[in-house]
Amino acid sequence: MSHVPEAVKQYVCADCQTMHAGTPIHHEGGSHTFEPPTSCGACEGETFVELAAWIHHHE
């Protein structure tokens, strides 16, 4: 059986719309989740929206 790579969650900075890859958080048992960065590398904003929800995001 071949391994299917998991897609990394992507986040959009609500302030400047820069894309960020989610940070993998590893849990016991080998599972993991992705979290947005603590701040934007471009504008230092702290509000992120998951890419899948971006089209529905309203300020």
C-alpha atoms as a PDB file:
ATOM      1  CA  MET A   1       0.000   0.000   0.000  1.00  0.00           C
ATOM      2  CA  SER A   2       1.452   3.361  -0.961  1.00  0.00           C
ATOM      3  CA  HIS A   3       1.524   6.363   1.298  1.00  0.00           C
ATOM      4  CA  VAL A   4      -0.720   9.284   0.342  1.00  0.00           C
ATOM      5  CA  PRO A   5       0.779  12.557   1.586  1.00  0.00           C
ATOM      6  CA  GLU A   6      -1.503  14.728   3.665  1.00  0.00           C
ATOM      7  CA  ALA A   7      -2.232  18.219   2.404  1.00  0.00           C
ATOM      8  CA  VAL A   8      -0.928  20.969   4.653  1.00  0.00           C
ATOM      9  CA  LYS A   9      -3.604  23.392   5.836  1.00  0.00           C
ATOM     10  CA  GLN A  10      -3.044  26.881   4.508  1.00  0.00           C
ATOM     11  CA  TYR A  11      -4.028  30.133   6.182  1.00  0.00           C
ATOM     12  CA  VAL A  12      -4.561  33.666   4.857  1.00  0.00           C
ATOM     13  CA  CYS A  13      -3.609  36.722   6.903  1.00  0.00           C
ATOM     14  CA  ALA A  14      -6.809  38.750   7.317  1.00  0.00           C
ATOM     15  CA  ASP A  15      -4.812  42.002   7.279  1.00  0.00           C
ATOM     16  CA  CYS A  16      -2.595  41.668   4.191  1.00  0.00           C
ATOM     17  CA  GLN A  17      -3.809  38.443   2.523  1.00  0.00           C
ATOM     18  CA  THR A  18      -0.402  36.749   2.641  1.00  0.00           C
ATOM     19  CA  MET A  19      -0.586  32.938   2.505  1.00  0.00           C
ATOM     20  CA  HIS A  20       1.018  30.850   5.252  1.00  0.00           C
ATOM     21  CA  ALA A  21       1.499  27.096   5.629  1.00  0.00           C
ATOM     22  CA  GLY A  22       0.055  25.728   8.855  1.00  0.00           C
ATOM     23  CA  THR A  23       2.463  24.725  11.591  1.00  0.00           C
ATOM     24  CA  PRO A  24       2.253  20.968  12.280  1.00  0.00           C
ATOM     25  CA  ILE A  25       1.475  20.139  15.901  1.00  0.00           C
ATOM     26  CA  HIS A  26       2.330  16.523  16.738  1.00  0.00           C
ATOM     27  CA  HIS A  27       0.214  14.570  19.220  1.00  0.00           C
ATOM     28  CA  GLU A  28       0.758  11.307  21.077  1.00  0.00           C
ATOM     29  CA  GLY A  29      -0.083   8.293  18.963  1.00  0.00           C
ATOM     30  CA  GLY A  30       1.433   9.785  15.809  1.00  0.00           C
ATOM     31  CA  SER A  31      -1.441  12.071  14.783  1.00  0.00           C
ATOM     32  CA  HIS A  32      -1.036  15.755  14.084  1.00  0.00           C
ATOM     33  CA  THR A  33      -2.992  18.913  13.359  1.00  0.00           C
ATOM     34  CA  PHE A  34      -2.074  22.192  11.710  1.00  0.00           C
ATOM     35  CA  GLU A  35      -2.319  25.612  13.354  1.00  0.00           C
ATOM     36  CA  PRO A  36      -1.887  29.091  11.907  1.00  0.00           C
ATOM     37  CA  PRO A  37       1.281  30.991  12.774  1.00  0.00           C
ATOM     38  CA  THR A  38       1.235  33.289  15.798  1.00  0.00           C
ATOM     39  CA  SER A  39       1.886  36.343  13.612  1.00  0.00           C
ATOM     40  CA  CYS A  40       2.190  37.187   9.919  1.00  0.00           C
ATOM     41  CA  GLY A  41       5.713  37.318   8.558  1.00  0.00           C
ATOM     42  CA  ALA A  42       4.770  40.175   6.224  1.00  0.00           C
ATOM     43  CA  CYS A  43       2.696  42.569   8.337  1.00  0.00           C
ATOM     44  CA  GLU A  44       2.817  41.079  11.866  1.00  0.00           C
ATOM     45  CA  GLY A  45      -0.992  40.661  11.831  1.00  0.00           C
ATOM     46  CA  GLU A  46      -2.421  38.073  14.199  1.00  0.00           C
ATOM     47  CA  THR A  47      -5.731  37.138  12.527  1.00  0.00           C
ATOM     48  CA  PHE A  48      -5.737  34.195  10.112  1.00  0.00           C
ATOM     49  CA  VAL A  49      -8.492  32.470   8.152  1.00  0.00           C
ATOM     50  CA  GLU A  50      -8.162  28.916   6.882  1.00  0.00           C
ATOM     51  CA  LEU A  51      -7.870  28.963   3.083  1.00  0.00           C
ATOM     52  CA  ALA A  52     -10.930  26.709   2.686  1.00  0.00           C
ATOM     53  CA  ALA A  53     -13.029  29.328   4.530  1.00  0.00           C
ATOM     54  CA  TRP A  54     -11.489  32.418   2.907  1.00  0.00           C
ATOM     55  CA  ILE A  55     -14.216  32.859   0.273  1.00  0.00           C
ATOM     56  CA  HIS A  56     -16.804  33.096   3.069  1.00  0.00           C
ATOM     57  CA  HIS A  57     -14.722  35.420   5.259  1.00  0.00           C
ATOM     58  CA  HIS A  58     -16.261  38.829   5.922  1.00  0.00           C
ATOM     59  CA  GLU A  59     -14.649  41.568   7.982  1.00  0.00           C
END
